[in-house]
C-alpha atoms as a PDB file:
ATOM      1  CA  MET A   1       0.003   0.121  -0.137  1.00  0.00           C
ATOM      2  CA  ALA A   2       3.140   2.436   0.510  1.00  0.00           C
ATOM      3  CA  LEU A   3       4.032   1.913  -2.709  1.00  0.00           C
ATOM      4  CA  VAL A   4       0.966   2.297  -4.528  1.00  0.00           C
ATOM      5  CA  ALA A   5       0.372   5.887  -2.536  1.00  0.00           C
ATOM      6  CA  ALA A   6       3.772   6.772  -3.490  1.00  0.00           C
ATOM      7  CA  ALA A   7       2.914   6.118  -6.836  1.00  0.00           C
ATOM      8  CA  ALA A   8      -0.096   8.019  -6.478  1.00  0.00           C
ATOM      9  CA  LEU A   9       2.002  10.899  -5.161  1.00  0.00           C
ATOM     10  CA  ALA A  10       4.438  11.047  -7.752  1.00  0.00           C
ATOM     11  CA  ASN A  11       1.782  11.056 -10.436  1.00  0.00           C
ATOM     12  CA  THR A  12       0.269  14.232  -9.073  1.00  0.00           C
ATOM     13  CA  THR A  13       3.158  16.071 -11.312  1.00  0.00           C
ATOM     14  CA  THR A  14       4.452  15.419 -14.283  1.00  0.00           C
ATOM     15  CA  ALA A  15       8.129  13.810 -15.385  1.00  0.00           C
ATOM     16  CA  ASP A  16       9.712  17.086 -15.035  1.00  0.00           C
ATOM     17  CA  ASP A  17       7.954  18.632 -12.221  1.00  0.00           C
ATOM     18  CA  ALA A  18       6.934  21.401 -14.717  1.00  0.00           C
ATOM     19  CA  ARG A  19       3.038  21.043 -14.158  1.00  0.00           C
ATOM     20  CA  PRO A  20       2.280  20.034 -10.771  1.00  0.00           C
ATOM     21  CA  ASP A  21      -1.042  19.023 -10.134  1.00  0.00           C
ATOM     22  CA  ASP A  22      -1.536  20.555  -6.288  1.00  0.00           C
ATOM     23  CA  ALA A  23      -5.509  19.798  -6.741  1.00  0.00           C
ATOM     24  CA  ALA A  24      -4.891  16.498  -7.310  1.00  0.00           C
ATOM     25  CA  LEU A  25      -2.422  16.222  -4.370  1.00  0.00           C
ATOM     26  CA  ASP A  26      -4.836  17.589  -2.325  1.00  0.00           C
ATOM     27  CA  ARG A  27      -7.567  15.112  -2.986  1.00  0.00           C
ATOM     28  CA  MET A  28      -5.422  12.435  -2.720  1.00  0.00           C
ATOM     29  CA  ALA A  29      -3.769  13.147   0.886  1.00  0.00           C
ATOM     30  CA  PRO A  30      -6.373  12.245   2.872  1.00  0.00           C
ATOM     31  CA  LEU A  31      -6.057   8.804   1.323  1.00  0.00           C
ATOM     32  CA  LEU A  32      -2.600   8.638   2.541  1.00  0.00           C
ATOM     33  CA  ASP A  33      -3.682   8.688   6.457  1.00  0.00           C
ATOM     34  CA  THR A  34      -3.849   5.529   7.826  1.00  0.00           C
ATOM     35  CA  GLY A  35      -6.545   6.868  10.499  1.00  0.00           C
ATOM     36  CA  GLU A  36      -3.774   5.993  13.408  1.00  0.00           C
ATOM     37  CA  GLY A  37      -1.892   9.419  13.929  1.00  0.00           C
ATOM     38  CA  PRO A  38      -2.574  13.188  13.121  1.00  0.00           C
ATOM     39  CA  VAL A  39      -4.883  14.294  10.104  1.00  0.00           C
ATOM     40  CA  CYS A  40      -3.362  15.564   7.200  1.00  0.00           C
ATOM     41  CA  GLY A  41      -2.458  19.628   7.587  1.00  0.00           C
ATOM     42  CA  ALA A  42      -0.958  22.493   5.540  1.00  0.00           C
ATOM     43  CA  ASN A  43       2.427  21.606   6.949  1.00  0.00           C
ATOM     44  CA  ASP A  44       1.759  18.046   5.701  1.00  0.00           C
ATOM     45  CA  LEU A  45       0.444  19.461   2.244  1.00  0.00           C
ATOM     46  CA  ARG A  46       3.942  21.438   1.970  1.00  0.00           C
ATOM     47  CA  THR A  47       6.264  18.619   2.777  1.00  0.00           C
ATOM     48  CA  LEU A  48       4.250  16.039   0.469  1.00  0.00           C
ATOM     49  CA  ARG A  49       4.517  18.651  -2.163  1.00  0.00           C
ATOM     50  CA  GLY A  50       8.365  19.097  -1.661  1.00  0.00           C
ATOM     51  CA  LEU A  51       8.623  15.284  -1.381  1.00  0.00           C
ATOM     52  CA  ARG A  52       6.903  14.658  -5.384  1.00  0.00           C
ATOM     53  CA  PRO A  53      10.079  15.028  -7.171  1.00  0.00           C
ATOM     54  CA  ARG A  54      12.184  12.931  -5.127  1.00  0.00           C
ATOM     55  CA  VAL A  55       9.714  10.288  -4.694  1.00  0.00           C
ATOM     56  CA  ARG A  56       9.149  10.346  -8.628  1.00  0.00           C
ATOM     57  CA  ALA A  57      13.025  10.030  -8.879  1.00  0.00           C
ATOM     58  CA  LEU A  58      12.656   6.778  -6.998  1.00  0.00           C
ATOM     59  CA  TRP A  59      11.291   5.215 -10.685  1.00  0.00           C
ATOM     60  CA  GLN A  60      13.931   7.253 -12.501  1.00  0.00           C
ATOM     61  CA  THR A  61      17.141   5.706 -10.765  1.00  0.00           C
ATOM     62  CA  THR A  62      19.297   2.974 -10.517  1.00  0.00           C
ATOM     63  CA  GLU A  63      19.136   0.240  -7.088  1.00  0.00           C
ATOM     64  CA  ASP A  64      22.323   2.306  -5.500  1.00  0.00           C
ATOM     65  CA  GLY A  65      20.500   5.743  -6.275  1.00  0.00           C
ATOM     66  CA  ALA A  66      17.599   4.344  -4.569  1.00  0.00           C
ATOM     67  CA  ALA A  67      19.160   3.176  -1.901  1.00  0.00           C
ATOM     68  CA  CYS A  68      21.015   6.617  -1.118  1.00  0.00           C
ATOM     69  CA  ALA A  69      17.466   8.314  -1.454  1.00  0.00           C
ATOM     70  CA  VAL A  70      15.903   5.941   1.270  1.00  0.00           C
ATOM     71  CA  ASN A  71      18.725   6.281   4.013  1.00  0.00           C
ATOM     72  CA  ASP A  72      18.218  10.303   3.290  1.00  0.00           C
ATOM     73  CA  LEU A  73      14.824   9.815   3.770  1.00  0.00           C
ATOM     74  CA  LEU A  74      15.232   8.030   6.857  1.00  0.00           C
ATOM     75  CA  ASP A  75      17.453  10.534   8.452  1.00  0.00           C
ATOM     76  CA  GLU A  76      15.634  13.107   7.094  1.00  0.00           C
ATOM     77  CA  PHE A  77      12.245  11.915   8.462  1.00  0.00           C
ATOM     78  CA  ASP A  78      14.051  10.756  11.893  1.00  0.00           C
ATOM     79  CA  ALA A  79      12.934   7.167  11.721  1.00  0.00           C
ATOM     80  CA  ARG A  80      14.000   5.344  14.579  1.00  0.00           C
ATOM     81  CA  PRO A  81      12.923   1.476  15.153  1.00  0.00           C
ATOM     82  CA  ARG A  82      10.820   0.885  18.539  1.00  0.00           C
ATOM     83  CA  LEU A  83       9.274  -2.463  19.696  1.00  0.00           C
ATOM     84  CA  VAL A  84       5.712  -2.040  20.218  1.00  0.00           C
ATOM     85  CA  ASN A  85       3.171  -4.187  22.211  1.00  0.00           C
ATOM     86  CA  ARG A  86       0.479  -4.839  19.789  1.00  0.00           C
ATOM     87  CA  GLY A  87      -1.853  -7.229  22.345  1.00  0.00           C
ATOM     88  CA  PRO A  88      -2.348 -10.440  21.263  1.00  0.00           C
ATOM     89  CA  TRP A  89      -0.046 -10.215  18.288  1.00  0.00           C
ATOM     90  CA  GLY A  90       2.763  -9.495  20.932  1.00  0.00           C
ATOM     91  CA  TYR A  91       5.591  -7.226  20.259  1.00  0.00           C
ATOM     92  CA  ARG A  92       6.378  -6.069  16.472  1.00  0.00           C
ATOM     93  CA  LEU A  93       9.385  -3.753  15.204  1.00  0.00           C
ATOM     94  CA  GLU A  94       7.967  -0.731  13.958  1.00  0.00           C
ATOM     95  CA  VAL A  95       9.659   2.239  12.600  1.00  0.00           C
ATOM     96  CA  VAL A  96       6.535   4.775  11.966  1.00  0.00           C
ATOM     97  CA  PRO A  97       5.435   6.277  15.058  1.00  0.00           C
ATOM     98  CA  VAL A  98       1.942   6.738  14.711  1.00  0.00           C
ATOM     99  CA  ASP A  99       1.689  10.144  16.481  1.00  0.00           C
ATOM    100  CA  ALA A 100       3.906  11.364  13.625  1.00  0.00           C
ATOM    101  CA  PRO A 101       2.337  13.972  11.317  1.00  0.00           C
ATOM    102  CA  LEU A 102       1.236  12.288   8.063  1.00  0.00           C
ATOM    103  CA  ALA A 103       3.993  13.407   5.875  1.00  0.00           C
ATOM    104  CA  THR A 104       6.373  11.824   8.338  1.00  0.00           C
ATOM    105  CA  ARG A 105       4.501   8.763   8.258  1.00  0.00           C
ATOM    106  CA  PHE A 106       4.081   8.693   4.333  1.00  0.00           C
ATOM    107  CA  ALA A 107       8.145   9.135   3.847  1.00  0.00           C
ATOM    108  CA  ILE A 108       9.152   6.623   6.276  1.00  0.00           C
ATOM    109  CA  SER A 109       6.858   4.116   5.401  1.00  0.00           C
ATOM    110  CA  THR A 110       7.876   4.707   1.610  1.00  0.00           C
ATOM    111  CA  SER A 111      11.368   4.277   2.294  1.00  0.00           C
ATOM    112  CA  ILE A 112      10.746   1.007   4.200  1.00  0.00           C
ATOM    113  CA  ALA A 113       8.752  -0.335   1.513  1.00  0.00           C
ATOM    114  CA  VAL A 114      11.366   0.767  -0.934  1.00  0.00           C
ATOM    115  CA  ALA A 115      14.195  -0.629   1.180  1.00  0.00           C
ATOM    116  CA  ASP A 116      12.267  -4.093   1.261  1.00  0.00           C
ATOM    117  CA  LEU A 117      11.920  -4.142  -2.755  1.00  0.00           C
ATOM    118  CA  LEU A 118      15.379  -4.076  -2.804  1.00  0.00           C
ATOM    119  CA  ARG A 119      16.454  -5.908   0.174  1.00  0.00           C
ATOM    120  CA  ARG A 120      14.352  -8.715  -2.214  1.00  0.00           C
ATOM    121  CA  GLY A 121      15.908  -8.157  -5.316  1.00  0.00           C
ATOM    122  CA  GLU A 122      12.273  -6.766  -6.692  1.00  0.00           C
ATOM    123  CA  PHE A 123      13.096  -2.935  -7.412  1.00  0.00           C
ATOM    124  CA  GLY A 124      11.931  -3.884 -11.052  1.00  0.00           C
ATOM    125  CA  ARG A 125       8.453  -3.658  -9.978  1.00  0.00           C
ATOM    126  CA  LEU A 126       8.791   0.046 -10.232  1.00  0.00           C
ATOM    127  CA  ARG A 127       7.796   0.886 -13.699  1.00  0.00           C
ATOM    128  CA  SER A 128       6.636   3.771 -15.733  1.00  0.00           C
ATOM    129  CA  CYS A 129       3.785   3.170 -17.961  1.00  0.00           C
ATOM    130  CA  ALA A 130       4.622   1.429 -21.346  1.00  0.00           C
ATOM    131  CA  ARG A 131       2.038   3.835 -23.389  1.00  0.00           C
ATOM    132  CA  PRO A 132       4.390   6.242 -24.538  1.00  0.00           C
ATOM    133  CA  THR A 133       1.943   9.557 -23.831  1.00  0.00           C
ATOM    134  CA  CYS A 134       1.197   8.663 -20.431  1.00  0.00           C
ATOM    135  CA  HIS A 135       4.345   9.790 -17.833  1.00  0.00           C
ATOM    136  CA  ASN A 136       2.773   7.669 -14.610  1.00  0.00           C
ATOM    137  CA  VAL A 137       4.446   5.598 -12.655  1.00  0.00           C
ATOM    138  CA  MET A 138       3.495   2.600 -10.970  1.00  0.00           C
ATOM    139  CA  VAL A 139       3.811  -0.748  -8.898  1.00  0.00           C
ATOM    140  CA  ASP A 140       3.936  -4.118 -10.794  1.00  0.00           C
ATOM    141  CA  LEU A 141       2.183  -6.066  -8.361  1.00  0.00           C
ATOM    142  CA  SER A 142       1.175  -9.008 -10.666  1.00  0.00           C
ATOM    143  CA  LYS A 143       2.683 -12.308  -9.911  1.00  0.00           C
ATOM    144  CA  ASN A 144       4.426 -12.665 -13.295  1.00  0.00           C
ATOM    145  CA  ARG A 145       5.453  -8.763 -13.527  1.00  0.00           C
ATOM    146  CA  SER A 146       3.966  -8.552 -16.680  1.00  0.00           C
ATOM    147  CA  ARG A 147       2.214  -5.340 -15.843  1.00  0.00           C
ATOM    148  CA  ARG A 148       3.012  -2.877 -18.543  1.00  0.00           C
ATOM    149  CA  TYR A 149       0.020  -0.148 -17.956  1.00  0.00           C
ATOM    150  CA  CYS A 150      -0.312   2.410 -15.284  1.00  0.00           C
ATOM    151  CA  GLU A 151      -4.274   1.552 -15.236  1.00  0.00           C
ATOM    152  CA  GLY A 152      -6.784   0.114 -17.602  1.00  0.00           C
ATOM    153  CA  ARG A 153      -7.389   2.982 -19.658  1.00  0.00           C
ATOM    154  CA  CYS A 154      -4.033   3.046 -20.898  1.00  0.00           C
ATOM    155  CA  GLY A 155      -3.998  -0.466 -21.645  1.00  0.00           C
ATOM    156  CA  ASN A 156      -7.271  -0.089 -23.428  1.00  0.00           C
ATOM    157  CA  ARG A 157      -5.927   2.669 -25.286  1.00  0.00           C
ATOM    158  CA  ALA A 158      -2.881   0.699 -26.314  1.00  0.00           C
ATOM    159  CA  ALA A 159      -4.761  -2.074 -27.259  1.00  0.00           C
ATOM    160  CA  VAL A 160      -7.490  -0.128 -29.370  1.00  0.00           C
ATOM    161  CA  SER A 161      -4.627   1.675 -31.475  1.00  0.00           C
ATOM    162  CA  ALA A 162      -2.764  -1.824 -32.121  1.00  0.00           C
ATOM    163  CA  TYR A 163      -6.009  -2.971 -33.286  1.00  0.00           C
ATOM    164  CA  ARG A 164      -6.467   0.198 -35.127  1.00  0.00           C
ATOM    165  CA  SER A 165      -3.084  -0.514 -37.031  1.00  0.00           C
ATOM    166  CA  ARG A 166      -4.016  -3.941 -37.928  1.00  0.00           C
ATOM    167  CA  LEU A 167      -7.216  -3.125 -39.445  1.00  0.00           C
ATOM    168  CA  ALA A 168      -5.627  -0.179 -41.849  1.00  0.00           C
ATOM    169  CA  SER A 169      -2.697  -2.596 -42.885  1.00  0.00           C
ATOM    170  CA  GLY A 170      -5.459  -5.235 -43.973  1.00  0.00           C
ATOM    171  CA  VAL A 171      -4.608  -7.943 -41.309  1.00  0.00           C
ATOM    172  CA  ALA A 172      -7.461  -7.499 -38.498  1.00  0.00           C
ATOM    173  CA  GLY A 173     -10.060  -8.239 -41.414  1.00  0.00           C
ATOM    174  CA  ARG A 174      -8.232 -11.694 -42.611  1.00  0.00           C
ATOM    175  CA  PRO A 175      -9.283 -15.165 -40.696  1.00  0.00           C
ATOM    176  CA  GLY A 176      -6.420 -16.531 -38.384  1.00  0.00           C
ATOM    177  CA  PRO A 177      -5.350 -20.493 -38.969  1.00  0.00           C
ATOM    178  CA  PHE A 178      -7.251 -20.598 -35.592  1.00  0.00           C
ATOM    179  CA  SER A 179     -10.783 -19.012 -36.364  1.00  0.00           C
ATOM    180  CA  GLY A 180     -13.658 -20.919 -36.509  1.00  0.00           C
ATOM    181  CA  PRO A 181     -16.687 -20.951 -38.411  1.00  0.00           C
ATOM    182  CA  ALA A 182     -18.973 -17.983 -39.300  1.00  0.00           C
ATOM    183  CA  ALA A 183     -21.680 -19.451 -37.961  1.00  0.00           C
ATOM    184  CA  PRO A 184     -21.945 -21.779 -34.827  1.00  0.00           C
ATOM    185  CA  PRO A 185     -22.051 -25.736 -35.708  1.00  0.00           C
ATOM    186  CA  GLY A 186     -24.946 -27.905 -35.492  1.00  0.00           C
ATOM    187  CA  GLY A 187     -27.520 -25.211 -36.307  1.00  0.00           C
ATOM    188  CA  PHE A 188     -27.550 -23.491 -33.101  1.00  0.00           C
ATOM    189  CA  GLU A 189     -28.654 -19.792 -32.732  1.00  0.00           C
ATOM    190  CA  ALA A 190     -26.026 -17.009 -31.624  1.00  0.00           C
ATOM    191  CA  ALA A 191     -27.230 -15.604 -28.155  1.00  0.00           C
ATOM    192  CA  GLY A 192     -28.020 -12.478 -30.065  1.00  0.00           C
ATOM    193  CA  ASP A 193     -30.202 -14.447 -32.533  1.00  0.00           C
ATOM    194  CA  ARG A 194     -32.591 -16.061 -30.025  1.00  0.00           C
ATOM    195  CA  ASP A 195     -33.828 -12.388 -28.671  1.00  0.00           C
ATOM    196  CA  ARG A 196     -34.851 -11.223 -32.036  1.00  0.00           C
END
């Protein structure tokens, strides 16, 4: 969830941070709140605005660059591991103080999540959308690491564009080697014909 939230924050700006979408950030900020600490305030929004280019840079750097960025964020936001008794679950090692400001909790949670990717050799799950005109970043959480697009619309647009290219070249209208008969076998009606 921390990585998805980080991608959402990064996507409230462009790749070069030339057109930051502050309205999108304002709408998104409450969604970052876990409900365990102080709500998002004006200082949090200022801090999150400043974090945007640094978070986006995590998608555009090497593993070593990401490790340096994570260490810088953990130092800057004073991350301190502590044991917390969670009742029936016993003691847990937590790095994010629940009473810290939202921006601090966000920065530390993002850093720990990226550190976990690096530790597991999964840093490649931080990707940019494959659609050439889209500048969004994403987290590939698929089992086979095959996600290419940031959301359904980009994937759908890419599929429609590929289909139109095939149509224009005359490939889409030709039956393929596995295309079946034009009418259902055995004289069965098509589902749409039954309703007529």
